[in-house]
PDB file of N, CA and C in Angstrom:
ATOM      1  N   MET A   1     232.810-126.446 138.846  1.00  0.00           N
ATOM      2  CA  MET A   1     232.971-127.949 139.353  1.00  0.00           C
ATOM      3  C   MET A   1     232.701-127.768 140.810  1.00  0.00           C
ATOM      4  N   ARG A   2     231.776-128.521 141.556  1.00  0.00           N
ATOM      5  CA  ARG A   2     231.587-128.597 142.899  1.00  0.00           C
ATOM      6  C   ARG A   2     232.504-129.785 143.403  1.00  0.00           C
ATOM      7  N   ALA A   3     232.923-129.383 144.673  1.00  0.00           N
ATOM      8  CA  ALA A   3     233.673-130.613 145.397  1.00  0.00           C
ATOM      9  C   ALA A   3     232.869-131.988 145.317  1.00  0.00           C
ATOM     10  N   GLY A   4     233.778-132.953 144.918  1.00  0.00           N
ATOM     11  CA  GLY A   4     233.273-134.242 144.952  1.00  0.00           C
ATOM     12  C   GLY A   4     232.531-134.737 143.638  1.00  0.00           C
ATOM     13  N   ASP A   5     231.931-133.699 142.806  1.00  0.00           N
ATOM     14  CA  ASP A   5     231.201-133.968 141.741  1.00  0.00           C
ATOM     15  C   ASP A   5     231.692-135.216 140.813  1.00  0.00           C
ATOM     16  N   LYS A   6     233.117-134.924 140.544  1.00  0.00           N
ATOM     17  CA  LYS A   6     233.813-135.700 139.534  1.00  0.00           C
ATOM     18  C   LYS A   6     235.038-136.579 140.197  1.00  0.00           C
ATOM     19  N   ALA A   7     234.983-136.704 141.437  1.00  0.00           N
ATOM     20  CA  ALA A   7     235.974-137.448 142.171  1.00  0.00           C
ATOM     21  C   ALA A   7     235.619-139.053 142.140  1.00  0.00           C
ATOM     22  N   GLU A   8     236.697-139.878 142.111  1.00  0.00           N
ATOM     23  CA  GLU A   8     236.458-141.147 142.103  1.00  0.00           C
ATOM     24  C   GLU A   8     235.802-141.672 143.604  1.00  0.00           C
ATOM     25  N   PRO A   9     235.120-142.737 143.538  1.00  0.00           N
ATOM     26  CA  PRO A   9     234.193-142.943 144.821  1.00  0.00           C
ATOM     27  C   PRO A   9     235.213-143.287 145.964  1.00  0.00           C
ATOM     28  N   GLN A  10     236.442-143.899 145.767  1.00  0.00           N
ATOM     29  CA  GLN A  10     237.393-144.252 146.879  1.00  0.00           C
ATOM     30  C   GLN A  10     237.831-142.726 147.397  1.00  0.00           C
ATOM     31  N   ALA A  11     238.184-141.874 146.644  1.00  0.00           N
ATOM     32  CA  ALA A  11     238.542-140.512 147.132  1.00  0.00           C
ATOM     33  C   ALA A  11     237.351-139.765 147.768  1.00  0.00           C
ATOM     34  N   THR A  12     236.146-139.969 147.356  1.00  0.00           N
ATOM     35  CA  THR A  12     235.082-139.276 148.016  1.00  0.00           C
ATOM     36  C   THR A  12     234.942-139.975 149.449  1.00  0.00           C
ATOM     37  N   SER A  13     234.935-141.167 149.433  1.00  0.00           N
ATOM     38  CA  SER A  13     234.858-141.980 150.750  1.00  0.00           C
ATOM     39  C   SER A  13     235.969-141.670 151.649  1.00  0.00           C
ATOM     40  N   ARG A  14     237.099-141.289 151.181  1.00  0.00           N
ATOM     41  CA  ARG A  14     238.193-140.830 152.102  1.00  0.00           C
ATOM     42  C   ARG A  14     237.883-139.448 152.660  1.00  0.00           C
ATOM     43  N   LEU A  15     237.321-138.601 151.945  1.00  0.00           N
ATOM     44  CA  LEU A  15     237.176-137.297 152.205  1.00  0.00           C
ATOM     45  C   LEU A  15     236.089-137.358 153.173  1.00  0.00           C
ATOM     46  N   CYS A  16     235.193-138.158 153.055  1.00  0.00           N
ATOM     47  CA  CYS A  16     233.898-138.094 153.905  1.00  0.00           C
ATOM     48  C   CYS A  16     234.124-138.814 155.308  1.00  0.00           C
ATOM     49  N   GLY A  17     235.394-139.526 155.304  1.00  0.00           N
ATOM     50  CA  GLY A  17     235.731-140.371 156.562  1.00  0.00           C
ATOM     51  C   GLY A  17     235.109-141.821 156.544  1.00  0.00           C
ATOM     52  N   ARG A  18     234.620-142.199 155.312  1.00  0.00           N
ATOM     53  CA  ARG A  18     234.064-143.577 155.527  1.00  0.00           C
ATOM     54  C   ARG A  18     235.123-144.622 155.364  1.00  0.00           C
ATOM     55  N   ILE A  19     236.375-144.310 154.927  1.00  0.00           N
ATOM     56  CA  ILE A  19     237.409-145.248 154.785  1.00  0.00           C
ATOM     57  C   ILE A  19     238.638-144.486 155.362  1.00  0.00           C
ATOM     58  N   SER A  20     239.639-145.117 155.763  1.00  0.00           N
ATOM     59  CA  SER A  20     240.772-144.579 156.243  1.00  0.00           C
ATOM     60  C   SER A  20     241.957-145.045 155.491  1.00  0.00           C
ATOM     61  N   ALA A  21     242.282-144.556 154.416  1.00  0.00           N
ATOM     62  CA  ALA A  21     243.346-144.760 153.688  1.00  0.00           C
ATOM     63  C   ALA A  21     244.386-143.792 153.795  1.00  0.00           C
ATOM     64  N   SER A  22     245.695-144.157 153.694  1.00  0.00           N
ATOM     65  CA  SER A  22     246.768-143.289 153.815  1.00  0.00           C
ATOM     66  C   SER A  22     246.679-142.347 152.606  1.00  0.00           C
ATOM     67  N   VAL A  23     247.032-141.072 152.820  1.00  0.00           N
ATOM     68  CA  VAL A  23     246.984-140.152 151.527  1.00  0.00           C
ATOM     69  C   VAL A  23     248.397-140.136 151.021  1.00  0.00           C
ATOM     70  N   THR A  24     248.325-140.311 149.629  1.00  0.00           N
ATOM     71  CA  THR A  24     249.489-140.391 148.789  1.00  0.00           C
ATOM     72  C   THR A  24     249.319-139.293 147.778  1.00  0.00           C
ATOM     73  N   TYR A  25     250.502-138.539 147.511  1.00  0.00           N
ATOM     74  CA  TYR A  25     250.606-137.477 146.489  1.00  0.00           C
ATOM     75  C   TYR A  25     251.384-137.883 145.225  1.00  0.00           C
ATOM     76  N   ALA A  26     250.848-137.452 144.095  1.00  0.00           N
ATOM     77  CA  ALA A  26     251.590-137.864 142.767  1.00  0.00           C
ATOM     78  C   ALA A  26     252.991-137.400 142.864  1.00  0.00           C
ATOM     79  N   HIS A  27     253.287-136.165 143.582  1.00  0.00           N
ATOM     80  CA  HIS A  27     254.670-135.832 143.752  1.00  0.00           C
ATOM     81  C   HIS A  27     254.800-135.002 144.972  1.00  0.00           C
ATOM     82  N   PRO A  28     255.888-134.977 145.709  1.00  0.00           N
ATOM     83  CA  PRO A  28     255.923-134.264 147.012  1.00  0.00           C
ATOM     84  C   PRO A  28     255.692-132.677 146.934  1.00  0.00           C
ATOM     85  N   LEU A  29     255.994-132.289 145.679  1.00  0.00           N
ATOM     86  CA  LEU A  29     255.508-130.694 145.495  1.00  0.00           C
ATOM     87  C   LEU A  29     254.025-130.475 145.524  1.00  0.00           C
ATOM     88  N   LEU A  30     253.283-131.421 145.482  1.00  0.00           N
ATOM     89  CA  LEU A  30     251.805-131.108 145.336  1.00  0.00           C
ATOM     90  C   LEU A  30     251.262-131.230 146.734  1.00  0.00           C
ATOM     91  N   GLU A  31     252.008-131.697 147.592  1.00  0.00           N
ATOM     92  CA  GLU A  31     251.258-131.927 149.142  1.00  0.00           C
ATOM     93  C   GLU A  31     250.804-130.743 149.677  1.00  0.00           C
ATOM     94  N   HIS A  32     251.426-129.614 149.662  1.00  0.00           N
ATOM     95  CA  HIS A  32     250.898-128.311 150.052  1.00  0.00           C
ATOM     96  C   HIS A  32     249.532-128.081 149.406  1.00  0.00           C
ATOM     97  N   VAL A  33     249.407-128.119 148.076  1.00  0.00           N
ATOM     98  CA  VAL A  33     248.229-127.830 147.379  1.00  0.00           C
ATOM     99  C   VAL A  33     247.219-128.752 147.706  1.00  0.00           C
ATOM    100  N   LEU A  34     247.331-130.155 147.777  1.00  0.00           N
ATOM    101  CA  LEU A  34     246.424-131.211 147.996  1.00  0.00           C
ATOM    102  C   LEU A  34     246.161-131.761 149.350  1.00  0.00           C
ATOM    103  N   ARG A  35     246.903-131.282 150.343  1.00  0.00           N
ATOM    104  CA  ARG A  35     246.589-131.655 151.751  1.00  0.00           C
ATOM    105  C   ARG A  35     245.201-131.392 152.101  1.00  0.00           C
ATOM    106  N   ARG A  36     244.536-130.289 151.965  1.00  0.00           N
ATOM    107  CA  ARG A  36     243.350-129.973 152.477  1.00  0.00           C
ATOM    108  C   ARG A  36     242.335-131.084 152.104  1.00  0.00           C
ATOM    109  N   THR A  37     242.297-131.503 150.650  1.00  0.00           N
ATOM    110  CA  THR A  37     241.381-132.464 150.086  1.00  0.00           C
ATOM    111  C   THR A  37     242.167-133.924 150.013  1.00  0.00           C
ATOM    112  N   LEU A  38     243.088-134.136 150.931  1.00  0.00           N
ATOM    113  CA  LEU A  38     243.625-135.459 151.150  1.00  0.00           C
ATOM    114  C   LEU A  38     244.001-136.097 149.897  1.00  0.00           C
ATOM    115  N   GLY A  39     244.831-135.295 148.989  1.00  0.00           N
ATOM    116  CA  GLY A  39     245.543-135.820 147.778  1.00  0.00           C
ATOM    117  C   GLY A  39     244.622-135.884 146.575  1.00  0.00           C
ATOM    118  N   VAL A  40     243.343-135.431 146.633  1.00  0.00           N
ATOM    119  CA  VAL A  40     242.495-135.490 145.572  1.00  0.00           C
ATOM    120  C   VAL A  40     242.312-134.014 144.942  1.00  0.00           C
ATOM    121  N   PRO A  41     242.639-133.772 143.740  1.00  0.00           N
ATOM    122  CA  PRO A  41     242.324-132.370 143.220  1.00  0.00           C
ATOM    123  C   PRO A  41     240.945-132.313 142.897  1.00  0.00           C
ATOM    124  N   LEU A  42     240.165-131.621 143.741  1.00  0.00           N
ATOM    125  CA  LEU A  42     238.685-131.229 143.438  1.00  0.00           C
ATOM    126  C   LEU A  42     238.419-129.944 143.015  1.00  0.00           C
ATOM    127  N   PHE A  43     239.174-128.888 143.142  1.00  0.00           N
ATOM    128  CA  PHE A  43     238.771-127.577 142.858  1.00  0.00           C
ATOM    129  C   PHE A  43     239.715-127.090 141.731  1.00  0.00           C
ATOM    130  N   GLN A  44     239.089-126.302 140.960  1.00  0.00           N
ATOM    131  CA  GLN A  44     239.704-125.704 139.689  1.00  0.00           C
ATOM    132  C   GLN A  44     241.070-124.924 140.187  1.00  0.00           C
ATOM    133  N   GLU A  45     240.957-124.172 141.336  1.00  0.00           N
ATOM    134  CA  GLU A  45     241.998-123.365 141.842  1.00  0.00           C
ATOM    135  C   GLU A  45     243.213-124.327 142.319  1.00  0.00           C
ATOM    136  N   GLN A  46     243.000-125.748 142.469  1.00  0.00           N
ATOM    137  CA  GLN A  46     243.926-126.594 142.833  1.00  0.00           C
ATOM    138  C   GLN A  46     244.636-126.892 141.589  1.00  0.00           C
ATOM    139  N   LEU A  47     244.002-127.088 140.383  1.00  0.00           N
ATOM    140  CA  LEU A  47     244.711-127.528 139.173  1.00  0.00           C
ATOM    141  C   LEU A  47     245.692-126.115 138.802  1.00  0.00           C
ATOM    142  N   ILE A  48     245.083-125.077 138.932  1.00  0.00           N
ATOM    143  CA  ILE A  48     245.856-123.888 138.679  1.00  0.00           C
ATOM    144  C   ILE A  48     247.160-123.847 139.599  1.00  0.00           C
ATOM    145  N   ARG A  49     247.128-124.138 140.776  1.00  0.00           N
ATOM    146  CA  ARG A  49     248.310-124.117 141.548  1.00  0.00           C
ATOM    147  C   ARG A  49     249.213-125.278 141.314  1.00  0.00           C
ATOM    148  N   MET A  50     248.616-126.386 140.934  1.00  0.00           N
ATOM    149  CA  MET A  50     249.410-127.561 140.587  1.00  0.00           C
ATOM    150  C   MET A  50     250.243-127.240 139.208  1.00  0.00           C
ATOM    151  N   ALA A  51     249.560-126.537 138.271  1.00  0.00           N
ATOM    152  CA  ALA A  51     250.435-126.234 137.101  1.00  0.00           C
ATOM    153  C   ALA A  51     251.429-125.127 137.344  1.00  0.00           C
ATOM    154  N   MET A  52     251.303-124.207 138.366  1.00  0.00           N
ATOM    155  CA  MET A  52     252.332-123.216 138.616  1.00  0.00           C
ATOM    156  C   MET A  52     253.386-123.799 139.319  1.00  0.00           C
ATOM    157  N   ILE A  53     253.040-124.795 140.229  1.00  0.00           N
ATOM    158  CA  ILE A  53     254.123-125.481 140.953  1.00  0.00           C
ATOM    159  C   ILE A  53     254.905-126.524 140.319  1.00  0.00           C
ATOM    160  N   VAL A  54     254.350-127.452 139.575  1.00  0.00           N
ATOM    161  CA  VAL A  54     255.159-128.541 138.943  1.00  0.00           C
ATOM    162  C   VAL A  54     255.656-127.991 137.675  1.00  0.00           C
ATOM    163  N   ALA A  55     255.017-126.973 136.923  1.00  0.00           N
ATOM    164  CA  ALA A  55     255.486-126.745 135.519  1.00  0.00           C
ATOM    165  C   ALA A  55     255.859-125.492 135.306  1.00  0.00           C
ATOM    166  N   ASN A  56     255.997-124.529 136.466  1.00  0.00           N
ATOM    167  CA  ASN A  56     256.322-123.088 136.435  1.00  0.00           C
ATOM    168  C   ASN A  56     255.463-122.356 135.378  1.00  0.00           C
ATOM    169  N   PHE A  57     254.253-122.672 135.397  1.00  0.00           N
ATOM    170  CA  PHE A  57     253.254-121.908 134.697  1.00  0.00           C
ATOM    171  C   PHE A  57     253.044-120.578 135.462  1.00  0.00           C
ATOM    172  N   SER A  58     252.881-119.401 134.654  1.00  0.00           N
ATOM    173  CA  SER A  58     252.357-118.187 135.230  1.00  0.00           C
ATOM    174  C   SER A  58     251.105-118.201 135.475  1.00  0.00           C
ATOM    175  N   GLY A  59     250.519-117.291 136.385  1.00  0.00           N
ATOM    176  CA  GLY A  59     249.140-117.214 136.586  1.00  0.00           C
ATOM    177  C   GLY A  59     248.229-117.324 135.375  1.00  0.00           C
ATOM    178  N   ARG A  60     248.675-116.514 134.465  1.00  0.00           N
ATOM    179  CA  ARG A  60     247.993-116.262 133.138  1.00  0.00           C
ATOM    180  C   ARG A  60     247.927-117.733 132.376  1.00  0.00           C
ATOM    181  N   GLU A  61     249.033-118.243 132.317  1.00  0.00           N
ATOM    182  CA  GLU A  61     249.163-119.629 131.645  1.00  0.00           C
ATOM    183  C   GLU A  61     248.296-120.769 132.340  1.00  0.00           C
ATOM    184  N   ALA A  62     248.249-120.733 133.718  1.00  0.00           N
ATOM    185  CA  ALA A  62     247.493-121.494 134.557  1.00  0.00           C
ATOM    186  C   ALA A  62     246.052-121.280 134.155  1.00  0.00           C
ATOM    187  N   GLU A  63     245.662-120.123 134.119  1.00  0.00           N
ATOM    188  CA  GLU A  63     244.308-119.682 133.874  1.00  0.00           C
ATOM    189  C   GLU A  63     243.790-120.117 132.429  1.00  0.00           C
ATOM    190  N   GLU A  64     244.696-120.096 131.487  1.00  0.00           N
ATOM    191  CA  GLU A  64     244.458-120.616 130.166  1.00  0.00           C
ATOM    192  C   GLU A  64     244.052-122.040 130.235  1.00  0.00           C
ATOM    193  N   LEU A  65     244.968-122.685 130.968  1.00  0.00           N
ATOM    194  CA  LEU A  65     244.837-124.085 131.106  1.00  0.00           C
ATOM    195  C   LEU A  65     243.393-124.530 131.604  1.00  0.00           C
ATOM    196  N   ARG A  66     243.165-123.947 132.738  1.00  0.00           N
ATOM    197  CA  ARG A  66     241.701-123.954 133.346  1.00  0.00           C
ATOM    198  C   ARG A  66     240.602-123.729 132.464  1.00  0.00           C
ATOM    199  N   ARG A  67     240.746-122.811 131.624  1.00  0.00           N
ATOM    200  CA  ARG A  67     239.788-122.355 130.517  1.00  0.00           C
ATOM    201  C   ARG A  67     239.691-123.523 129.510  1.00  0.00           C
ATOM    202  N   ALA A  68     240.922-124.003 129.118  1.00  0.00           N
ATOM    203  CA  ALA A  68     241.049-124.962 127.959  1.00  0.00           C
ATOM    204  C   ALA A  68     240.399-126.202 128.588  1.00  0.00           C
ATOM    205  N   MET A  69     240.366-126.547 129.929  1.00  0.00           N
ATOM    206  CA  MET A  69     239.934-127.600 130.300  1.00  0.00           C
ATOM    207  C   MET A  69     238.245-127.555 130.374  1.00  0.00           C
ATOM    208  N   GLY A  70     237.706-126.420 130.267  1.00  0.00           N
ATOM    209  CA  GLY A  70     236.238-126.260 130.407  1.00  0.00           C
ATOM    210  C   GLY A  70     235.483-127.086 129.335  1.00  0.00           C
ATOM    211  N   MET A  71     234.208-126.919 129.418  1.00  0.00           N
ATOM    212  CA  MET A  71     233.370-127.557 128.632  1.00  0.00           C
ATOM    213  C   MET A  71     233.655-127.278 126.979  1.00  0.00           C
ATOM    214  N   ARG A  72     233.840-126.243 126.588  1.00  0.00           N
ATOM    215  CA  ARG A  72     234.025-125.731 125.237  1.00  0.00           C
ATOM    216  C   ARG A  72     235.466-125.687 124.893  1.00  0.00           C
ATOM    217  N   ARG A  73     236.306-126.640 125.400  1.00  0.00           N
ATOM    218  CA  ARG A  73     237.729-126.460 125.150  1.00  0.00           C
ATOM    219  C   ARG A  73     238.027-126.868 123.718  1.00  0.00           C
ATOM    220  N   SER A  74     239.114-126.275 123.246  1.00  0.00           N
ATOM    221  CA  SER A  74     239.567-126.529 122.006  1.00  0.00           C
ATOM    222  C   SER A  74     240.643-127.633 122.079  1.00  0.00           C
ATOM    223  N   GLN A  75     240.547-128.675 121.381  1.00  0.00           N
ATOM    224  CA  GLN A  75     241.305-129.753 121.419  1.00  0.00           C
ATOM    225  C   GLN A  75     242.829-129.543 121.090  1.00  0.00           C
ATOM    226  N   ALA A  76     242.999-128.602 120.020  1.00  0.00           N
ATOM    227  CA  ALA A  76     244.232-128.008 119.717  1.00  0.00           C
ATOM    228  C   ALA A  76     244.909-127.347 120.794  1.00  0.00           C
ATOM    229  N   ARG A  77     244.074-126.413 121.326  1.00  0.00           N
ATOM    230  CA  ARG A  77     244.779-125.705 122.373  1.00  0.00           C
ATOM    231  C   ARG A  77     245.087-126.442 123.649  1.00  0.00           C
ATOM    232  N   MET A  78     244.296-127.444 123.772  1.00  0.00           N
ATOM    233  CA  MET A  78     244.568-128.370 124.943  1.00  0.00           C
ATOM    234  C   MET A  78     245.771-129.102 124.793  1.00  0.00           C
ATOM    235  N   ARG A  79     246.032-129.673 123.507  1.00  0.00           N
ATOM    236  CA  ARG A  79     247.270-130.283 123.160  1.00  0.00           C
ATOM    237  C   ARG A  79     248.500-129.363 123.508  1.00  0.00           C
ATOM    238  N   GLU A  80     248.313-128.135 123.084  1.00  0.00           N
ATOM    239  CA  GLU A  80     249.550-127.183 123.151  1.00  0.00           C
ATOM    240  C   GLU A  80     249.799-127.066 124.695  1.00  0.00           C
ATOM    241  N   LEU A  81     248.803-126.714 125.447  1.00  0.00           N
ATOM    242  CA  LEU A  81     249.156-126.689 126.769  1.00  0.00           C
ATOM    243  C   LEU A  81     249.544-127.794 127.528  1.00  0.00           C
ATOM    244  N   GLU A  82     249.033-128.963 127.215  1.00  0.00           N
ATOM    245  CA  GLU A  82     249.497-130.125 127.766  1.00  0.00           C
ATOM    246  C   GLU A  82     251.026-130.477 127.480  1.00  0.00           C
ATOM    247  N   ALA A  83     251.322-130.252 126.214  1.00  0.00           N
ATOM    248  CA  ALA A  83     252.926-130.174 125.716  1.00  0.00           C
ATOM    249  C   ALA A  83     253.742-129.191 126.681  1.00  0.00           C
ATOM    250  N   LYS A  84     253.193-127.872 126.821  1.00  0.00           N
ATOM    251  CA  LYS A  84     253.930-127.154 127.622  1.00  0.00           C
ATOM    252  C   LYS A  84     253.984-127.604 129.143  1.00  0.00           C
ATOM    253  N   LEU A  85     252.852-128.173 129.605  1.00  0.00           N
ATOM    254  CA  LEU A  85     252.824-128.703 131.014  1.00  0.00           C
ATOM    255  C   LEU A  85     253.968-129.801 131.220  1.00  0.00           C
ATOM    256  N   ARG A  86     253.811-130.907 130.177  1.00  0.00           N
ATOM    257  CA  ARG A  86     254.935-131.945 130.528  1.00  0.00           C
ATOM    258  C   ARG A  86     256.208-131.507 130.224  1.00  0.00           C
ATOM    259  N   LYS A  87     256.546-130.469 129.385  1.00  0.00           N
ATOM    260  CA  LYS A  87     257.793-129.965 129.362  1.00  0.00           C
ATOM    261  C   LYS A  87     258.322-129.378 130.662  1.00  0.00           C
ATOM    262  N   GLY A  88     257.625-128.526 131.144  1.00  0.00           N
ATOM    263  CA  GLY A  88     257.794-127.796 132.509  1.00  0.00           C
ATOM    264  C   GLY A  88     257.915-129.030 133.641  1.00  0.00           C
ATOM    265  N   MET A  89     257.099-129.927 133.492  1.00  0.00           N
ATOM    266  CA  MET A  89     257.165-130.919 134.724  1.00  0.00           C
ATOM    267  C   MET A  89     258.510-131.798 134.595  1.00  0.00           C
ATOM    268  N   THR A  90     258.894-132.024 133.212  1.00  0.00           N
ATOM    269  CA  THR A  90     260.193-132.695 132.767  1.00  0.00           C
ATOM    270  C   THR A  90     261.358-131.838 133.328  1.00  0.00           C
ATOM    271  N   ASP A  91     261.346-130.570 132.990  1.00  0.00           N
ATOM    272  CA  ASP A  91     262.381-129.645 133.380  1.00  0.00           C
ATOM    273  C   ASP A  91     262.505-129.586 134.980  1.00  0.00           C
ATOM    274  N   ASN A  92     261.319-129.610 135.743  1.00  0.00           N
ATOM    275  CA  ASN A  92     261.473-129.732 137.157  1.00  0.00           C
ATOM    276  C   ASN A  92     261.749-131.066 137.772  1.00  0.00           C
ATOM    277  N   GLY A  93     261.750-132.131 136.968  1.00  0.00           N
ATOM    278  CA  GLY A  93     262.176-133.429 137.469  1.00  0.00           C
ATOM    279  C   GLY A  93     260.988-134.185 138.037  1.00  0.00           C
ATOM    280  N   VAL A  94     259.818-133.729 137.534  1.00  0.00           N
ATOM    281  CA  VAL A  94     258.462-134.279 138.193  1.00  0.00           C
ATOM    282  C   VAL A  94     257.822-135.387 137.329  1.00  0.00           C
ATOM    283  N   LEU A  95     258.166-135.269 136.035  1.00  0.00           N
ATOM    284  CA  LEU A  95     257.379-136.343 135.123  1.00  0.00           C
ATOM    285  C   LEU A  95     258.043-137.728 135.305  1.00  0.00           C
ATOM    286  N   ALA A  96     257.828-138.111 136.712  1.00  0.00           N
ATOM    287  CA  ALA A  96     258.146-139.616 136.954  1.00  0.00           C
ATOM    288  C   ALA A  96     257.120-140.522 136.384  1.00  0.00           C
ATOM    289  N   GLU A  97     257.229-141.861 136.544  1.00  0.00           N
ATOM    290  CA  GLU A  97     256.171-142.601 136.147  1.00  0.00           C
ATOM    291  C   GLU A  97     254.845-142.499 136.694  1.00  0.00           C
ATOM    292  N   LYS A  98     254.841-142.360 138.054  1.00  0.00           N
ATOM    293  CA  LYS A  98     253.395-142.115 138.532  1.00  0.00           C
ATOM    294  C   LYS A  98     252.846-140.643 138.246  1.00  0.00           C
ATOM    295  N   THR A  99     253.472-139.624 137.816  1.00  0.00           N
ATOM    296  CA  THR A  99     252.871-138.557 137.287  1.00  0.00           C
ATOM    297  C   THR A  99     252.749-138.459 135.863  1.00  0.00           C
ATOM    298  N   ARG A 100     252.935-139.420 135.129  1.00  0.00           N
ATOM    299  CA  ARG A 100     252.975-139.413 133.761  1.00  0.00           C
ATOM    300  C   ARG A 100     251.539-139.234 133.141  1.00  0.00           C
ATOM    301  N   ASN A 101     250.728-139.628 133.748  1.00  0.00           N
ATOM    302  CA  ASN A 101     249.324-139.528 133.338  1.00  0.00           C
ATOM    303  C   ASN A 101     248.490-138.407 134.186  1.00  0.00           C
ATOM    304  N   MET A 102     249.237-137.609 135.043  1.00  0.00           N
ATOM    305  CA  MET A 102     248.649-136.412 135.659  1.00  0.00           C
ATOM    306  C   MET A 102     247.721-135.542 134.873  1.00  0.00           C
ATOM    307  N   PRO A 103     248.307-135.020 133.793  1.00  0.00           N
ATOM    308  CA  PRO A 103     247.524-134.059 132.907  1.00  0.00           C
ATOM    309  C   PRO A 103     246.163-134.715 132.469  1.00  0.00           C
ATOM    310  N   LYS A 104     246.239-135.721 131.930  1.00  0.00           N
ATOM    311  CA  LYS A 104     245.020-136.706 131.600  1.00  0.00           C
ATOM    312  C   LYS A 104     244.066-136.873 132.576  1.00  0.00           C
ATOM    313  N   GLU A 105     244.454-137.400 133.850  1.00  0.00           N
ATOM    314  CA  GLU A 105     243.416-137.578 134.927  1.00  0.00           C
ATOM    315  C   GLU A 105     243.001-136.217 135.136  1.00  0.00           C
ATOM    316  N   ALA A 106     243.638-135.160 135.308  1.00  0.00           N
ATOM    317  CA  ALA A 106     243.017-133.783 135.595  1.00  0.00           C
ATOM    318  C   ALA A 106     241.942-133.597 134.620  1.00  0.00           C
ATOM    319  N   VAL A 107     242.220-133.724 133.293  1.00  0.00           N
ATOM    320  CA  VAL A 107     241.252-133.413 132.274  1.00  0.00           C
ATOM    321  C   VAL A 107     239.982-134.131 132.529  1.00  0.00           C
ATOM    322  N   LYS A 108     240.072-135.580 132.881  1.00  0.00           N
ATOM    323  CA  LYS A 108     239.219-136.369 132.959  1.00  0.00           C
ATOM    324  C   LYS A 108     238.137-135.902 134.268  1.00  0.00           C
ATOM    325  N   LYS A 109     238.707-135.426 135.261  1.00  0.00           N
ATOM    326  CA  LYS A 109     237.958-134.933 136.491  1.00  0.00           C
ATOM    327  C   LYS A 109     237.166-133.620 136.158  1.00  0.00           C
ATOM    328  N   THR A 110     237.448-132.993 135.056  1.00  0.00           N
ATOM    329  CA  THR A 110     236.741-131.873 134.743  1.00  0.00           C
ATOM    330  C   THR A 110     235.728-131.991 133.638  1.00  0.00           C
ATOM    331  N   GLU A 111     235.782-133.236 132.927  1.00  0.00           N
ATOM    332  CA  GLU A 111     234.934-133.536 131.869  1.00  0.00           C
ATOM    333  C   GLU A 111     233.498-133.989 132.390  1.00  0.00           C
ATOM    334  N   ASN A 112     232.481-133.571 131.650  1.00  0.00           N
ATOM    335  CA  ASN A 112     231.139-133.852 131.994  1.00  0.00           C
ATOM    336  C   ASN A 112     230.859-135.227 131.717  1.00  0.00           C
TER     337      ASN A 112
END
């Protein structure tokens, strides 16, 4: 995925400097990962780091998540990884109301 291909128009406008909206993060733990792209996960590497930070995924597990989110993903495998991601987020106190849809939003950004 190239930067900006799947990002929503407002985020792309913010990144290009066409609008000046304040940057918000789904959770403070994600600020370091998303600061460069103004709060918008655009790169697969960001999704990997996000899973490692908010859900304690190992590098291998995060790579599995990235692959599962690819074009030929297994729906069953994706459900397993999403459940593990949500459990890790809950264990870390990250699964607040505004992060509840974070896994689904990340998947939408990688879909064709």
